[in-house]
Amino acid sequence: MLPNSQLGGQDLSRLDEFVEQLRPYCEKVSAKTSLGVLLTPRPDVLATPKRFIEMYRLVSDFGGEWHPERGFFVVQEKKAVQEFMKDIELKDFVAGPNPRLQIDEASVEDLFADIRDNGMRERIKVRPSKSFEGKFEVVDGNRRLKVATLLGSATIRAVVVELSDLEAYEAAFTVNNNRNGFTPEEKGRYFKLLMEKFPEAYPTQEAVGKRLAISQQRVGQLIQHFEDMEQNRKNNITTAVVTYTERATRAIHSAPEEAKPVIAQAIASGKLTAEKAEEVVKEIKKGKPAEDVLESSLNEARQEKEREESKRQVLVKKVLDFCPKNVAGWTVETFPKLKDPEKLAVFLSVIIEIQHSVLVKHSLLDEVKGEAEKWA
């Protein structure tokens, strides 16, 4: 542990000196980027209030910030940042560096309800556009901008920051990297984009990893995943854009060329899991006809699905048949609108169906059936 006295009395005006002295607290330290340095505390620091508070105070005194939702501190060189608030008309927003390939409509609906009821609690961050005079590029807040448009807002109050192209692209990645829904394909695409657009800052995959605090191996895997997805679409393997898991993509990539379209289509349609696809590829590589192997695997998957459905139906019937009166009574009392017998039956069956997957996972079907019989 690094005591306060070891840091106090030293000149910490330079970022690199400060970061070096904080390394004992850190599990990960990113390279210096336009955003500063990202410091991820070690698990034992997070688990020890005294040590975490110590680190928190040191970073705060230096002017850094803790991002609890992302799990790291951000520290920057002490310099004047040109930043101000401005009311911007909707027509003056233009596309900026956006790592996302598409916006999740479900998350937009949730955000819509929140902003409608509580207002915009986090401001959109923009930078003046270098391509269109008087316009502003969104650096952080594309979903919030979409919600404001849906709400019919004429103007939006935004934070305007002066950023270079590199700073803007790095900022856009950082804010998205620690949010839900940022897919492996999107990350791989953005890593490749950074290397192509900023070869001096990102000459290699190793440089990408160091600047963004990600392992070089992981960077390479994500770029390969993106390239495989692109190749699949170019080969018309699917008729729609499908986001495969990394495991599924690797299975498709390792398959013989003539088998790739069929395997990819089976995965996309939900007939084949990534795990089954790997087994299929292994069998094909042994010299077995691809069509025979795939047909056999699909039949097995279909039969397994039928067996699971049969078990589910038995469980639902058993529990509904032997459901004790006190459970139904509690349900009616708790949910008075469900006094109608038919609605009550539907409600109980839904609860049972939701629990079925959990019961299967923990091999509890027989135990539940036994309990149900005791209720009779």
Protein backbone atom coordinates (compact mmCIF):
# COMPACT_ATOMS: atom_id res chain seq x y z
CA MET A 1 0.00 0.00 0.00
CA LEU A 2 1.17 3.54 -0.72
CA PRO A 3 0.78 5.80 2.32
CA ASN A 4 -0.32 9.41 1.92
CA SER A 5 3.00 10.67 3.24
CA GLN A 6 4.75 9.06 0.30
CA LEU A 7 2.74 11.17 -2.10
CA GLY A 8 2.42 14.32 -0.07
CA GLY A 9 5.21 16.84 -0.52
CA GLN A 10 6.02 15.73 -4.08
CA ASP A 11 5.25 17.69 -7.22
CA LEU A 12 2.39 15.83 -8.91
CA SER A 13 1.75 18.41 -11.60
CA ARG A 14 2.80 15.99 -14.32
CA LEU A 15 0.42 13.20 -15.21
CA ASP A 16 3.02 10.51 -15.87
CA GLU A 17 4.67 11.03 -12.45
CA PHE A 18 1.31 10.87 -10.71
CA VAL A 19 0.26 7.70 -12.54
CA GLU A 20 3.54 5.94 -11.73
CA GLN A 21 3.04 6.59 -8.04
CA LEU A 22 -0.52 5.24 -8.19
CA ARG A 23 0.41 1.98 -9.95
CA PRO A 24 0.45 -0.06 -6.70
CA TYR A 25 -3.27 0.65 -6.40
CA CYS A 26 -4.09 -0.34 -9.97
CA GLU A 27 -5.01 -3.55 -11.73
CA LYS A 28 -4.88 -1.83 -15.13
CA VAL A 29 -3.37 1.44 -16.36
CA SER A 30 -4.09 2.56 -19.90
CA ALA A 31 -1.57 4.36 -22.06
CA LYS A 32 -1.85 8.15 -22.13
CA THR A 33 -4.60 9.10 -24.56
CA SER A 34 -6.31 12.34 -25.45
CA LEU A 35 -8.74 11.60 -22.61
CA GLY A 36 -5.97 11.16 -20.08
CA VAL A 37 -5.20 7.86 -18.35
CA LEU A 38 -7.75 5.29 -17.20
CA LEU A 39 -6.88 3.74 -13.83
CA THR A 40 -8.72 0.54 -12.85
CA PRO A 41 -8.33 -0.17 -9.10
CA ARG A 42 -7.18 -3.60 -7.97
CA PRO A 43 -9.93 -5.86 -6.52
CA ASP A 44 -8.37 -5.71 -3.06
CA VAL A 45 -8.41 -1.90 -3.20
CA LEU A 46 -12.09 -1.90 -4.14
CA ALA A 47 -12.80 -4.36 -1.34
CA THR A 48 -10.99 -2.29 1.32
CA PRO A 49 -12.78 1.00 2.08
CA LYS A 50 -9.70 2.59 3.64
CA ARG A 51 -7.49 1.93 0.60
CA PHE A 52 -10.16 2.91 -1.91
CA ILE A 53 -10.88 6.19 -0.08
CA GLU A 54 -7.16 6.88 0.00
CA MET A 55 -6.89 6.39 -3.77
CA TYR A 56 -10.08 8.37 -4.34
CA ARG A 57 -8.73 11.38 -2.41
CA LEU A 58 -5.41 11.32 -4.23
CA VAL A 59 -7.06 11.22 -7.64
CA SER A 60 -9.57 13.91 -6.66
CA ASP A 61 -6.80 16.19 -5.39
CA PHE A 62 -5.10 15.82 -8.76
CA GLY A 63 -8.34 16.78 -10.51
CA GLY A 64 -9.29 13.29 -11.69
CA GLU A 65 -12.72 11.68 -11.55
CA TRP A 66 -14.15 8.32 -10.44
CA HIS A 67 -16.62 6.68 -12.86
CA PRO A 68 -18.52 4.11 -10.73
CA GLU A 69 -20.59 2.76 -13.61
CA ARG A 70 -17.39 2.03 -15.54
CA GLY A 71 -15.17 0.99 -12.67
CA PHE A 72 -12.19 3.26 -13.28
CA PHE A 73 -10.68 6.67 -12.54
CA VAL A 74 -9.82 9.15 -15.30
CA VAL A 75 -6.90 11.53 -14.74
CA GLN A 76 -5.65 14.18 -17.15
CA GLU A 77 -2.83 16.66 -17.47
CA LYS A 78 -3.71 19.87 -15.71
CA LYS A 79 -4.56 22.17 -18.58
CA ALA A 80 -7.25 24.58 -19.51
CA VAL A 81 -10.08 22.81 -21.32
CA GLN A 82 -12.24 24.85 -23.64
CA GLU A 83 -15.72 23.75 -22.65
CA PHE A 84 -19.02 25.62 -22.47
CA MET A 85 -22.79 25.10 -22.51
CA LYS A 86 -24.84 26.03 -25.55
CA ASP A 87 -28.45 25.73 -26.72
CA ILE A 88 -28.23 24.04 -30.13
CA GLU A 89 -31.04 23.67 -32.65
CA LEU A 90 -31.76 20.11 -33.80
CA LYS A 91 -30.90 21.00 -37.40
CA ASP A 92 -27.38 21.96 -36.34
CA PHE A 93 -26.40 18.47 -35.14
CA VAL A 94 -24.39 16.34 -37.59
CA ALA A 95 -23.00 12.82 -37.35
CA GLY A 96 -19.80 12.45 -35.36
CA PRO A 97 -17.53 9.51 -34.54
CA ASN A 98 -19.96 6.78 -33.48
CA PRO A 99 -18.71 3.27 -32.63
CA ARG A 100 -22.25 1.84 -32.78
CA LEU A 101 -23.56 0.18 -35.94
CA GLN A 102 -27.14 0.61 -34.78
CA ILE A 103 -29.09 2.03 -31.85
CA ASP A 104 -30.96 -0.44 -29.64
CA GLU A 105 -34.61 0.59 -29.96
CA ALA A 106 -35.57 -0.97 -26.60
CA SER A 107 -32.98 1.14 -24.78
CA VAL A 108 -34.23 4.23 -26.61
CA GLU A 109 -37.78 3.53 -25.39
CA ASP A 110 -36.56 3.25 -21.78
CA LEU A 111 -34.53 6.44 -22.13
CA PHE A 112 -37.52 8.17 -23.74
CA ALA A 113 -39.68 7.45 -20.68
CA ASP A 114 -36.93 8.59 -18.30
CA ILE A 115 -36.22 11.88 -20.10
CA ARG A 116 -39.93 12.57 -20.56
CA ASP A 117 -40.57 12.14 -16.83
CA ASN A 118 -37.33 13.48 -15.33
CA GLY A 119 -35.69 15.61 -17.98
CA MET A 120 -32.22 15.14 -19.49
CA ARG A 121 -30.01 14.51 -16.48
CA GLU A 122 -26.81 14.00 -18.48
CA ARG A 123 -25.98 16.55 -21.15
CA ILE A 124 -25.10 15.60 -24.72
CA LYS A 125 -21.44 16.28 -25.45
CA VAL A 126 -20.52 17.72 -28.85
CA ARG A 127 -17.63 19.37 -30.66
CA PRO A 128 -17.73 22.03 -33.39
CA SER A 129 -17.73 20.33 -36.79
CA LYS A 130 -14.63 20.85 -38.91
CA SER A 131 -16.49 19.94 -42.09
CA PHE A 132 -19.70 21.97 -41.67
CA GLU A 133 -19.46 25.50 -40.35
CA GLY A 134 -21.89 26.27 -37.54
CA LYS A 135 -22.72 22.58 -37.00
CA PHE A 136 -21.87 20.29 -34.09
CA GLU A 137 -20.80 16.64 -34.03
CA VAL A 138 -22.12 14.37 -31.28
CA VAL A 139 -19.31 12.81 -29.26
CA ASP A 140 -21.47 11.35 -26.48
CA GLY A 141 -25.28 11.17 -26.55
CA ASN A 142 -26.63 9.79 -29.83
CA ARG A 143 -29.52 8.06 -28.03
CA ARG A 144 -30.35 11.22 -26.08
CA LEU A 145 -30.39 13.19 -29.31
CA LYS A 146 -32.80 10.67 -30.84
CA VAL A 147 -35.10 10.90 -27.79
CA ALA A 148 -35.05 14.70 -27.92
CA THR A 149 -36.09 14.48 -31.57
CA LEU A 150 -38.96 12.11 -30.68
CA LEU A 151 -40.07 14.51 -27.94
CA GLY A 152 -40.22 17.34 -30.47
CA SER A 153 -37.57 19.52 -28.80
CA ALA A 154 -36.61 22.57 -30.85
CA THR A 155 -33.23 22.99 -29.15
CA ILE A 156 -31.00 20.95 -26.86
CA ARG A 157 -28.65 22.30 -24.23
CA ALA A 158 -25.33 20.58 -24.83
CA VAL A 159 -21.75 20.67 -23.57
CA VAL A 160 -19.45 21.94 -26.32
CA VAL A 161 -15.83 20.80 -26.10
CA GLU A 162 -12.91 21.62 -28.37
CA LEU A 163 -11.48 18.26 -29.46
CA SER A 164 -9.14 17.15 -32.22
CA ASP A 165 -10.21 14.30 -34.49
CA LEU A 166 -8.14 11.82 -32.47
CA GLU A 167 -9.53 13.11 -29.17
CA ALA A 168 -13.11 12.89 -30.47
CA TYR A 169 -12.73 9.32 -31.74
CA GLU A 170 -11.09 8.16 -28.53
CA ALA A 171 -13.73 9.88 -26.41
CA ALA A 172 -16.53 8.22 -28.39
CA PHE A 173 -14.97 4.79 -27.87
CA THR A 174 -14.39 5.27 -24.14
CA VAL A 175 -17.95 6.35 -23.33
CA ASN A 176 -19.41 3.42 -25.31
CA ASN A 177 -16.96 0.75 -24.16
CA ASN A 178 -18.43 0.61 -20.68
CA ARG A 179 -22.09 0.68 -21.66
CA ASN A 180 -24.44 -2.19 -22.35
CA GLY A 181 -25.02 -3.39 -25.88
CA PHE A 182 -21.60 -2.50 -27.32
CA THR A 183 -21.07 -5.64 -29.40
CA PRO A 184 -17.80 -7.45 -30.18
CA GLU A 185 -18.38 -6.70 -33.88
CA GLU A 186 -18.71 -2.96 -33.19
CA LYS A 187 -15.54 -2.95 -31.10
CA GLY A 188 -13.57 -4.81 -33.76
CA ARG A 189 -14.81 -2.44 -36.46
CA TYR A 190 -13.80 0.59 -34.39
CA PHE A 191 -10.32 -0.76 -33.61
CA LYS A 192 -9.74 -1.26 -37.31
CA LEU A 193 -11.08 2.23 -38.04
CA LEU A 194 -8.71 3.79 -35.50
CA MET A 195 -5.74 2.02 -37.10
CA GLU A 196 -6.75 3.18 -40.58
CA LYS A 197 -7.62 6.77 -39.64
CA PHE A 198 -4.83 7.43 -37.13
CA PRO A 199 -1.83 5.27 -38.16
CA GLU A 200 0.62 7.40 -36.16
CA ALA A 201 -1.26 6.90 -32.88
CA TYR A 202 -2.43 3.35 -33.70
CA PRO A 203 0.19 1.72 -35.95
CA THR A 204 -0.41 -1.81 -34.63
CA GLN A 205 -2.90 -3.89 -32.67
CA GLU A 206 -0.45 -3.72 -29.77
CA ALA A 207 -0.66 0.08 -29.84
CA VAL A 208 -4.47 -0.11 -29.80
CA GLY A 209 -4.35 -2.34 -26.74
CA LYS A 210 -1.90 -0.13 -24.85
CA ARG A 211 -3.75 3.13 -25.52
CA LEU A 212 -7.17 1.69 -24.64
CA ALA A 213 -6.09 -0.64 -21.80
CA ILE A 214 -7.12 -3.84 -23.62
CA SER A 215 -4.91 -6.88 -24.23
CA GLN A 216 -3.37 -7.19 -27.68
CA GLN A 217 -4.81 -10.71 -28.00
CA ARG A 218 -8.32 -9.40 -27.32
CA VAL A 219 -7.89 -6.59 -29.86
CA GLY A 220 -6.83 -9.13 -32.50
CA GLN A 221 -9.77 -11.42 -31.70
CA LEU A 222 -12.30 -8.60 -32.04
CA ILE A 223 -10.85 -7.32 -35.32
CA GLN A 224 -10.93 -10.89 -36.70
CA HIS A 225 -14.52 -11.25 -35.50
CA PHE A 226 -15.54 -8.07 -37.35
CA GLU A 227 -13.74 -9.14 -40.54
CA ASP A 228 -15.40 -12.57 -40.43
CA MET A 229 -18.81 -10.97 -40.05
CA GLU A 230 -18.13 -8.71 -43.01
CA GLN A 231 -17.00 -11.65 -45.14
CA ASN A 232 -20.10 -13.63 -44.23
CA ARG A 233 -22.33 -10.83 -45.43
CA LYS A 234 -20.33 -10.32 -48.62
CA ASN A 235 -20.75 -14.03 -49.39
CA ASN A 236 -24.51 -13.69 -48.91
CA ILE A 237 -24.40 -16.31 -46.18
CA THR A 238 -27.51 -14.76 -44.66
CA THR A 239 -30.24 -12.67 -46.21
CA ALA A 240 -30.33 -10.30 -43.24
CA VAL A 241 -27.71 -8.71 -41.01
CA VAL A 242 -27.22 -11.12 -38.12
CA THR A 243 -24.98 -10.50 -35.10
CA TYR A 244 -23.29 -13.82 -34.39
CA THR A 245 -21.51 -14.56 -31.15
CA GLU A 246 -17.72 -14.78 -31.30
CA ARG A 247 -17.92 -18.54 -30.82
CA ALA A 248 -20.37 -18.93 -33.68
CA THR A 249 -18.22 -16.76 -35.93
CA ARG A 250 -15.15 -18.87 -35.19
CA ALA A 251 -17.09 -22.04 -36.01
CA ILE A 252 -18.21 -20.60 -39.37
CA HIS A 253 -14.70 -19.32 -40.11
CA SER A 254 -13.12 -22.74 -39.47
CA ALA A 255 -15.60 -24.65 -41.65
CA PRO A 256 -14.75 -25.71 -45.23
CA GLU A 257 -15.78 -23.06 -47.77
CA GLU A 258 -18.64 -25.10 -49.24
CA ALA A 259 -20.14 -25.68 -45.77
CA LYS A 260 -19.93 -22.11 -44.44
CA PRO A 261 -23.20 -20.79 -45.94
CA VAL A 262 -25.26 -23.75 -44.70
CA ILE A 263 -23.80 -23.65 -41.17
CA ALA A 264 -24.17 -19.89 -40.91
CA GLN A 265 -27.78 -20.05 -42.03
CA ALA A 266 -28.54 -22.80 -39.50
CA ILE A 267 -27.05 -20.70 -36.70
CA ALA A 268 -28.87 -17.56 -37.85
CA SER A 269 -32.21 -19.37 -37.89
CA GLY A 270 -31.67 -20.77 -34.40
CA LYS A 271 -31.55 -24.40 -35.56
CA LEU A 272 -27.93 -24.83 -34.55
CA THR A 273 -26.07 -23.53 -31.49
CA ALA A 274 -22.46 -22.38 -31.66
CA GLU A 275 -21.43 -25.46 -29.66
CA LYS A 276 -23.23 -27.80 -32.06
CA ALA A 277 -21.75 -25.94 -35.01
CA GLU A 278 -18.24 -26.65 -33.71
CA GLU A 279 -19.09 -30.36 -33.48
CA VAL A 280 -20.46 -30.30 -37.03
CA VAL A 281 -17.28 -28.70 -38.36
CA LYS A 282 -15.13 -31.33 -36.64
CA GLU A 283 -17.14 -34.15 -38.24
CA ILE A 284 -16.99 -32.53 -41.69
CA LYS A 285 -13.21 -32.17 -41.41
CA LYS A 286 -13.01 -35.91 -40.81
CA GLY A 287 -14.25 -36.37 -44.38
CA LYS A 288 -17.94 -36.92 -43.74
CA PRO A 289 -20.40 -35.31 -46.21
CA ALA A 290 -21.41 -31.87 -44.91
CA GLU A 291 -25.11 -32.33 -45.73
CA ASP A 292 -25.30 -35.66 -43.86
CA VAL A 293 -23.52 -34.32 -40.79
CA LEU A 294 -25.67 -31.19 -40.68
CA GLU A 295 -28.93 -33.09 -41.19
CA SER A 296 -28.02 -35.52 -38.40
CA SER A 297 -27.13 -32.66 -36.04
CA LEU A 298 -30.34 -30.77 -36.81
CA ASN A 299 -32.40 -33.90 -36.16
CA GLU A 300 -30.71 -34.39 -32.80
CA ALA A 301 -31.32 -30.74 -31.89
CA ARG A 302 -34.97 -31.01 -32.91
CA GLN A 303 -35.49 -34.19 -30.88
CA GLU A 304 -33.82 -32.62 -27.83
CA LYS A 305 -36.08 -29.59 -28.15
CA GLU A 306 -39.14 -31.85 -28.34
CA ARG A 307 -38.02 -33.76 -25.24
CA GLU A 308 -37.57 -30.52 -23.31
CA GLU A 309 -40.96 -29.26 -24.42
CA SER A 310 -42.56 -32.52 -23.33
CA LYS A 311 -40.96 -32.23 -19.90
CA ARG A 312 -42.13 -28.64 -19.65
CA GLN A 313 -45.71 -29.55 -20.48
CA VAL A 314 -45.68 -32.34 -17.87
CA LEU A 315 -44.39 -29.96 -15.23
CA VAL A 316 -46.93 -27.25 -16.06
CA LYS A 317 -49.78 -29.75 -15.89
CA LYS A 318 -48.52 -31.32 -12.67
CA VAL A 319 -48.13 -28.02 -10.84
CA LEU A 320 -51.41 -26.62 -12.13
CA ASP A 321 -53.23 -29.83 -11.19
CA PHE A 322 -51.83 -29.89 -7.67
CA CYS A 323 -51.53 -26.14 -7.00
CA PRO A 324 -52.72 -25.67 -3.37
CA LYS A 325 -55.57 -23.34 -2.58
CA ASN A 326 -53.40 -21.20 -0.33
CA VAL A 327 -51.11 -20.29 -3.28
CA ALA A 328 -54.10 -19.27 -5.37
CA GLY A 329 -55.53 -17.38 -2.39
CA TRP A 330 -52.28 -15.49 -1.84
CA THR A 331 -52.16 -14.60 -5.53
CA VAL A 332 -55.71 -13.22 -5.50
CA GLU A 333 -55.04 -11.27 -2.33
CA THR A 334 -51.81 -9.80 -3.69
CA PHE A 335 -53.20 -9.16 -7.16
CA PRO A 336 -56.90 -8.32 -6.66
CA LYS A 337 -57.43 -7.74 -10.39
CA LEU A 338 -56.80 -11.45 -10.97
CA LYS A 339 -59.97 -12.69 -9.28
CA ASP A 340 -61.22 -14.00 -12.58
CA PRO A 341 -60.45 -17.78 -12.59
CA GLU A 342 -59.21 -17.78 -16.18
CA LYS A 343 -56.86 -14.85 -15.61
CA LEU A 344 -55.61 -16.47 -12.43
CA ALA A 345 -54.84 -19.72 -14.27
CA VAL A 346 -52.94 -17.82 -16.95
CA PHE A 347 -51.00 -15.89 -14.32
CA LEU A 348 -49.94 -19.04 -12.48
CA SER A 349 -48.97 -20.84 -15.67
CA VAL A 350 -46.78 -17.92 -16.72
CA ILE A 351 -44.96 -18.02 -13.37
CA ILE A 352 -44.39 -21.76 -13.80
CA GLU A 353 -43.14 -21.39 -17.35
CA ILE A 354 -40.71 -18.65 -16.35
CA GLN A 355 -39.29 -20.87 -13.64
CA HIS A 356 -39.00 -23.91 -15.92
CA SER A 357 -35.63 -22.98 -17.40
CA VAL A 358 -34.21 -22.50 -13.90
CA LEU A 359 -35.55 -25.88 -12.80
CA VAL A 360 -34.05 -27.58 -15.83
CA LYS A 361 -30.70 -25.91 -15.26
CA HIS A 362 -30.53 -27.17 -11.68
CA SER A 363 -32.09 -30.59 -12.40
CA LEU A 364 -35.00 -29.92 -10.07
CA LEU A 365 -37.88 -31.09 -12.24
CA ASP A 366 -38.37 -34.39 -10.37
CA GLU A 367 -38.17 -32.67 -7.00
CA VAL A 368 -40.84 -30.13 -8.00
CA LYS A 369 -43.09 -32.90 -9.30
CA GLY A 370 -42.71 -34.72 -5.98
CA GLU A 371 -43.64 -31.59 -4.05
CA ALA A 372 -46.59 -31.00 -6.35
CA GLU A 373 -47.91 -34.48 -5.58
CA LYS A 374 -47.69 -33.75 -1.84
CA TRP A 375 -50.00 -30.76 -2.37
CA ALA A 376 -52.83 -32.93 -3.65
